[in-house]
């Protein structure tokens, strides 16, 4: 899949206008100076006032600017030109000082030549599924964190990504088997729908994803020199991953009856001091 990056970029370039004009991203609280993250991050992230934050795969900058409103100095990075342009325009509209850089995730160290200078790397929701090499992703995260700095990461649980409505649903409406948990082959998906706007139909519908197991993710962070502080598994997720999910009253989507399996997970991992660990 040599063209995976170009296919995914075209898909995300098109989504920018959909998300700016659709119902899935409510910018009114942000414009009122009261932007809120999703309920899971709100419960876990803590204060960011005074921190230098790098928001990887920031899309059009909504969450980046929420962190700026809370006193953080934020740099956002995304590979989509329209997304970065929209982020800069939104920051200017709101009078918020934030830096947005267009670059592929793997090229971030060259695009932002500031190693070991960030207090927090923030990466959430639908990010590493677009990347073939999770070990290289973890090394990029570690590259930017100062010793003692932390990664906050939240995303779909890989156990849930084994299933998808595209594979059919059973009699109770639960999704069918879609991808093997221990599979490592790229998943080439033709899907014109958009997670944030049920009425949208994308012209650039082909996308390439990868399923990274929980062990692969944690192992990659460990090998890159990060120490896990905590990991939480959640029976809910921030978008309607499956049609059978229902609103949980807190802005997330959950199973309608019992928590059959985790839908998302989050973690905090701290960059160790290379001078004391011998790690790069």
Protein backbone atom coordinates (compact mmCIF):
# COMPACT_ATOMS: atom_id res chain seq x y z
CA UNK A 1 0.00 0.00 0.00
CA UNK A 2 2.55 2.59 -1.14
CA UNK A 3 -0.18 5.20 -1.64
CA UNK A 4 -1.74 4.86 1.85
CA UNK A 5 -0.65 8.33 2.91
CA UNK A 6 -2.08 10.03 -0.16
CA UNK A 7 -5.38 8.17 0.12
CA UNK A 8 -5.75 9.03 3.80
CA UNK A 9 -4.77 12.66 3.28
CA UNK A 10 -7.36 13.11 0.52
CA UNK A 11 -9.97 11.54 2.80
CA UNK A 12 -9.13 13.91 5.67
CA UNK A 13 -8.77 16.95 3.45
CA UNK A 14 -12.39 16.43 2.40
CA UNK A 15 -13.59 15.88 5.96
CA UNK A 16 -12.45 19.34 7.08
CA UNK A 17 -15.30 21.20 5.37
CA UNK A 18 -17.77 18.51 6.48
CA UNK A 19 -16.74 18.90 10.10
CA UNK A 20 -16.65 22.69 10.06
CA UNK A 21 -20.17 22.87 8.64
CA UNK A 22 -21.79 19.79 10.13
CA UNK A 23 -23.41 18.87 13.44
CA UNK A 24 -20.60 16.78 14.89
CA UNK A 25 -18.29 19.57 16.02
CA UNK A 26 -20.04 22.24 18.08
CA UNK A 27 -17.76 25.28 18.14
CA UNK A 28 -20.17 27.55 20.04
CA UNK A 29 -18.68 26.82 23.49
CA UNK A 30 -15.16 27.38 22.16
CA UNK A 31 -16.20 30.69 20.60
CA UNK A 32 -17.77 31.65 23.95
CA UNK A 33 -14.48 30.96 25.72
CA UNK A 34 -15.83 27.84 27.42
CA UNK A 35 -14.65 25.01 25.21
CA UNK A 36 -14.78 21.51 26.68
CA UNK A 37 -13.01 18.32 25.76
CA UNK A 38 -14.83 15.01 25.67
CA UNK A 39 -15.97 13.64 29.01
CA UNK A 40 -13.16 11.07 29.22
CA UNK A 41 -10.40 13.67 28.80
CA UNK A 42 -12.15 16.11 31.11
CA UNK A 43 -12.07 13.52 33.90
CA UNK A 44 -8.43 12.58 33.40
CA UNK A 45 -6.26 15.27 31.85
CA UNK A 46 -5.94 17.71 34.73
CA UNK A 47 -4.63 21.26 34.53
CA UNK A 48 -2.55 22.28 31.51
CA UNK A 49 -1.97 25.89 32.62
CA UNK A 50 1.60 26.91 31.90
CA UNK A 51 2.48 23.73 30.00
CA UNK A 52 4.06 23.50 26.57
CA UNK A 53 1.75 21.10 24.71
CA UNK A 54 2.25 19.35 21.39
CA UNK A 55 -1.04 18.16 19.90
CA UNK A 56 -0.26 15.50 17.31
CA UNK A 57 -2.83 14.83 14.56
CA UNK A 58 -4.79 17.88 15.70
CA UNK A 59 -7.28 18.02 12.76
CA UNK A 60 -8.65 21.59 12.51
CA UNK A 61 -7.49 22.56 15.99
CA UNK A 62 -10.63 22.55 18.12
CA UNK A 63 -9.07 20.67 21.04
CA UNK A 64 -5.78 22.52 20.58
CA UNK A 65 -7.55 25.82 21.11
CA UNK A 66 -9.46 24.51 24.12
CA UNK A 67 -6.08 23.79 25.70
CA UNK A 68 -4.92 27.31 24.82
CA UNK A 69 -8.00 28.72 26.55
CA UNK A 70 -6.88 26.82 29.65
CA UNK A 71 -3.48 28.44 29.71
CA UNK A 72 -1.33 26.06 27.69
CA UNK A 73 1.20 27.05 25.02
CA UNK A 74 0.12 24.79 22.16
CA UNK A 75 1.65 23.60 18.92
CA UNK A 76 -0.67 21.52 16.73
CA UNK A 77 0.46 19.27 13.90
CA UNK A 78 -1.59 17.66 11.15
CA UNK A 79 -0.85 16.28 7.69
CA UNK A 80 -3.91 17.92 6.09
CA UNK A 81 -3.36 21.32 4.51
CA UNK A 82 -7.04 22.34 4.72
CA UNK A 83 -7.13 21.27 8.39
CA UNK A 84 -4.11 23.37 9.31
CA UNK A 85 -5.45 26.34 7.34
CA UNK A 86 -8.78 26.04 9.17
CA UNK A 87 -7.00 25.77 12.54
CA UNK A 88 -5.02 28.93 11.88
CA UNK A 89 -8.15 30.78 10.78
CA UNK A 90 -10.07 29.66 13.86
CA UNK A 91 -7.21 30.73 16.15
CA UNK A 92 -7.11 34.15 14.48
CA UNK A 93 -10.90 34.52 14.75
CA UNK A 94 -10.78 33.78 18.47
CA UNK A 95 -7.64 35.80 19.15
CA UNK A 96 -5.84 32.75 20.55
CA UNK A 97 -2.09 32.34 20.19
CA UNK A 98 -1.40 28.86 18.86
CA UNK A 99 1.04 27.47 16.31
CA UNK A 100 -0.17 25.00 13.68
CA UNK A 101 2.25 23.05 11.50
CA UNK A 102 1.44 20.97 8.45
CA UNK A 103 3.49 17.77 8.29
CA UNK A 104 3.13 14.04 8.29
CA UNK A 105 3.33 12.57 11.78
CA UNK A 106 6.51 10.69 10.99
CA UNK A 107 8.11 13.90 9.67
CA UNK A 108 7.29 15.88 12.82
CA UNK A 109 10.86 15.96 14.20
CA UNK A 110 12.04 17.76 11.05
CA UNK A 111 8.99 20.03 10.86
CA UNK A 112 9.26 21.06 14.54
CA UNK A 113 13.00 21.04 15.39
CA UNK A 114 12.48 21.29 19.14
CA UNK A 115 13.45 17.95 20.71
CA UNK A 116 12.83 17.28 24.39
CA UNK A 117 11.05 20.60 24.85
CA UNK A 118 7.38 19.79 25.51
CA UNK A 119 5.74 19.09 28.85
CA UNK A 120 2.81 17.22 27.32
CA UNK A 121 2.09 15.40 24.09
CA UNK A 122 -1.69 15.21 23.58
CA UNK A 123 -3.07 12.66 21.10
CA UNK A 124 -6.70 11.58 21.07
CA UNK A 125 -9.40 9.76 19.09
CA UNK A 126 -8.84 8.14 15.73
CA UNK A 127 -5.11 8.73 15.39
CA UNK A 128 -2.81 5.71 15.31
CA UNK A 129 -5.26 3.64 13.24
CA UNK A 130 -4.05 5.74 10.29
CA UNK A 131 -0.38 4.88 10.91
CA UNK A 132 1.35 1.64 9.83
CA UNK A 133 4.21 1.73 12.36
CA UNK A 134 3.21 2.26 15.99
CA UNK A 135 6.81 1.87 17.22
CA UNK A 136 7.88 4.80 15.05
CA UNK A 137 4.92 6.81 16.37
CA UNK A 138 6.06 6.17 19.94
CA UNK A 139 9.59 7.31 19.10
CA UNK A 140 8.18 10.56 17.70
CA UNK A 141 6.27 11.11 20.94
CA UNK A 142 9.39 10.44 23.01
CA UNK A 143 11.48 12.71 20.79
CA UNK A 144 9.46 15.76 21.78
CA UNK A 145 8.97 15.15 25.49
CA UNK A 146 11.35 16.58 28.03
CA UNK A 147 12.44 14.13 30.74
CA UNK A 148 9.48 13.94 33.11
CA UNK A 149 7.08 15.16 30.42
CA UNK A 150 4.02 13.04 29.71
CA UNK A 151 1.94 11.62 26.90
CA UNK A 152 -1.83 11.73 27.29
CA UNK A 153 -3.37 9.32 24.80
CA UNK A 154 -7.00 8.24 24.31
CA UNK A 155 -8.42 6.23 21.45
CA UNK A 156 -10.71 3.42 20.38
CA UNK A 157 -9.92 0.16 22.13
CA UNK A 158 -8.30 -2.28 19.68
CA UNK A 159 -10.56 -5.07 20.95
CA UNK A 160 -13.57 -3.07 19.73
CA UNK A 161 -11.96 -2.48 16.34
CA UNK A 162 -12.19 -6.21 15.66
CA UNK A 163 -15.89 -5.51 14.98
CA UNK A 164 -17.69 -3.20 12.56
CA UNK A 165 -21.20 -2.67 11.23
CA UNK A 166 -19.79 -3.02 7.71
CA UNK A 167 -19.31 -6.72 8.49
CA UNK A 168 -23.02 -7.06 9.27
CA UNK A 169 -24.96 -7.13 12.52
CA UNK A 170 -26.46 -9.97 14.55
CA UNK A 171 -30.07 -10.34 15.68
CA UNK A 172 -29.50 -7.96 18.60
CA UNK A 173 -27.93 -5.29 16.39
CA UNK A 174 -24.37 -5.86 17.57
CA UNK A 175 -21.65 -5.52 14.90
CA UNK A 176 -20.05 -8.45 13.12
CA UNK A 177 -16.47 -9.65 12.91
CA UNK A 178 -14.38 -7.24 10.82
CA UNK A 179 -10.62 -7.55 11.40
CA UNK A 180 -8.46 -10.03 13.35
CA UNK A 181 -7.00 -8.61 16.53
CA UNK A 182 -3.54 -9.97 15.75
CA UNK A 183 -3.67 -9.10 12.08
CA UNK A 184 -1.00 -6.73 10.83
CA UNK A 185 -2.05 -6.27 7.22
CA UNK A 186 -3.43 -2.90 6.10
CA UNK A 187 -7.20 -2.60 6.07
CA UNK A 188 -8.31 -1.02 2.80
CA UNK A 189 -11.79 0.41 3.36
CA UNK A 190 -14.18 2.06 0.92
CA UNK A 191 -16.63 4.01 3.05
CA UNK A 192 -18.27 7.28 1.96
CA UNK A 193 -19.78 7.96 5.40
CA UNK A 194 -18.43 10.33 8.03
CA UNK A 195 -18.42 9.65 11.78
CA UNK A 196 -19.44 13.21 12.66
CA UNK A 197 -22.14 13.86 10.04
CA UNK A 198 -24.48 10.99 9.15
CA UNK A 199 -25.72 12.85 6.08
CA UNK A 200 -22.29 13.42 4.53
CA UNK A 201 -21.02 11.36 1.61
CA UNK A 202 -17.31 11.57 0.85
CA UNK A 203 -15.97 11.46 -2.69
CA UNK A 204 -12.53 10.43 -1.39
CA UNK A 205 -13.92 7.39 0.35
CA UNK A 206 -10.96 4.99 0.17
CA UNK A 207 -8.89 4.86 3.35
CA UNK A 208 -6.17 2.62 4.76
CA UNK A 209 -6.12 1.68 8.44
CA UNK A 210 -4.13 -0.57 10.74
CA UNK A 211 -5.23 -2.35 13.92
CA UNK A 212 -2.56 -2.07 16.63
CA UNK A 213 -3.01 -4.37 19.61
CA UNK A 214 -2.89 -3.02 23.15
CA UNK A 215 0.32 -4.98 23.73
CA UNK A 216 1.93 -3.44 20.65
CA UNK A 217 1.01 0.08 21.78
CA UNK A 218 2.28 -0.36 25.32
CA UNK A 219 5.39 -2.17 24.14
CA UNK A 220 6.17 0.61 21.67
CA UNK A 221 5.90 3.28 24.36
CA UNK A 222 8.09 1.24 26.73
CA UNK A 223 10.74 0.69 24.07
CA UNK A 224 10.74 4.42 23.28
CA UNK A 225 11.59 5.24 26.89
CA UNK A 226 8.19 6.04 28.40
CA UNK A 227 6.93 4.65 31.70
CA UNK A 228 3.22 3.89 31.98
CA UNK A 229 1.62 5.70 34.93
CA UNK A 230 -1.91 4.45 34.38
CA UNK A 231 -4.19 2.88 31.81
CA UNK A 232 -7.99 3.04 31.88
CA UNK A 233 -10.39 0.99 29.77
CA UNK A 234 -13.83 2.50 29.12
CA UNK A 235 -17.18 0.91 28.13
CA UNK A 236 -17.92 4.03 26.08
CA UNK A 237 -16.40 6.02 23.26
CA UNK A 238 -16.68 9.56 21.94
CA UNK A 239 -18.40 8.79 18.63
CA UNK A 240 -21.04 6.32 17.47
CA UNK A 241 -18.64 3.53 16.62
CA UNK A 242 -21.52 1.05 16.12
CA UNK A 243 -25.15 1.75 15.25
CA UNK A 244 -26.35 -0.15 18.32
CA UNK A 245 -24.60 2.25 20.74
CA UNK A 246 -26.66 4.79 22.67
CA UNK A 247 -25.91 8.16 24.26
CA UNK A 248 -24.81 7.76 27.86
CA UNK A 249 -25.94 11.22 29.01
CA UNK A 250 -22.34 12.46 29.18
CA UNK A 251 -21.76 13.06 25.49
CA UNK A 252 -20.33 9.59 24.83
CA UNK A 253 -21.71 6.42 23.25
CA UNK A 254 -22.12 3.17 25.20
CA UNK A 255 -23.58 -0.31 24.88
CA UNK A 256 -27.39 -0.31 25.20
CA UNK A 257 -27.60 -3.16 27.70
CA UNK A 258 -24.37 -4.53 29.21
CA UNK A 259 -20.71 -3.44 28.82
CA UNK A 260 -19.76 -6.31 26.52
CA UNK A 261 -16.21 -5.17 25.89
CA UNK A 262 -14.21 -1.94 26.21
CA UNK A 263 -14.90 0.62 23.51
CA UNK A 264 -11.99 2.94 24.30
CA UNK A 265 -8.93 3.29 26.48
CA UNK A 266 -6.73 6.08 27.75
CA UNK A 267 -3.30 6.27 29.30
CA UNK A 268 -0.64 8.54 30.70
CA UNK A 269 3.01 7.68 30.15
CA UNK A 270 6.02 9.68 31.36
CA UNK A 271 9.30 10.19 29.48
CA UNK A 272 12.20 8.76 31.44
CA UNK A 273 15.48 10.65 31.72
CA UNK A 274 17.81 9.15 29.07
CA UNK A 275 20.87 10.10 31.15
CA UNK A 276 19.76 7.73 33.92
CA UNK A 277 18.19 4.94 31.85
CA UNK A 278 20.64 4.58 28.96
CA UNK A 279 17.74 4.86 26.51
CA UNK A 280 18.06 7.12 23.45
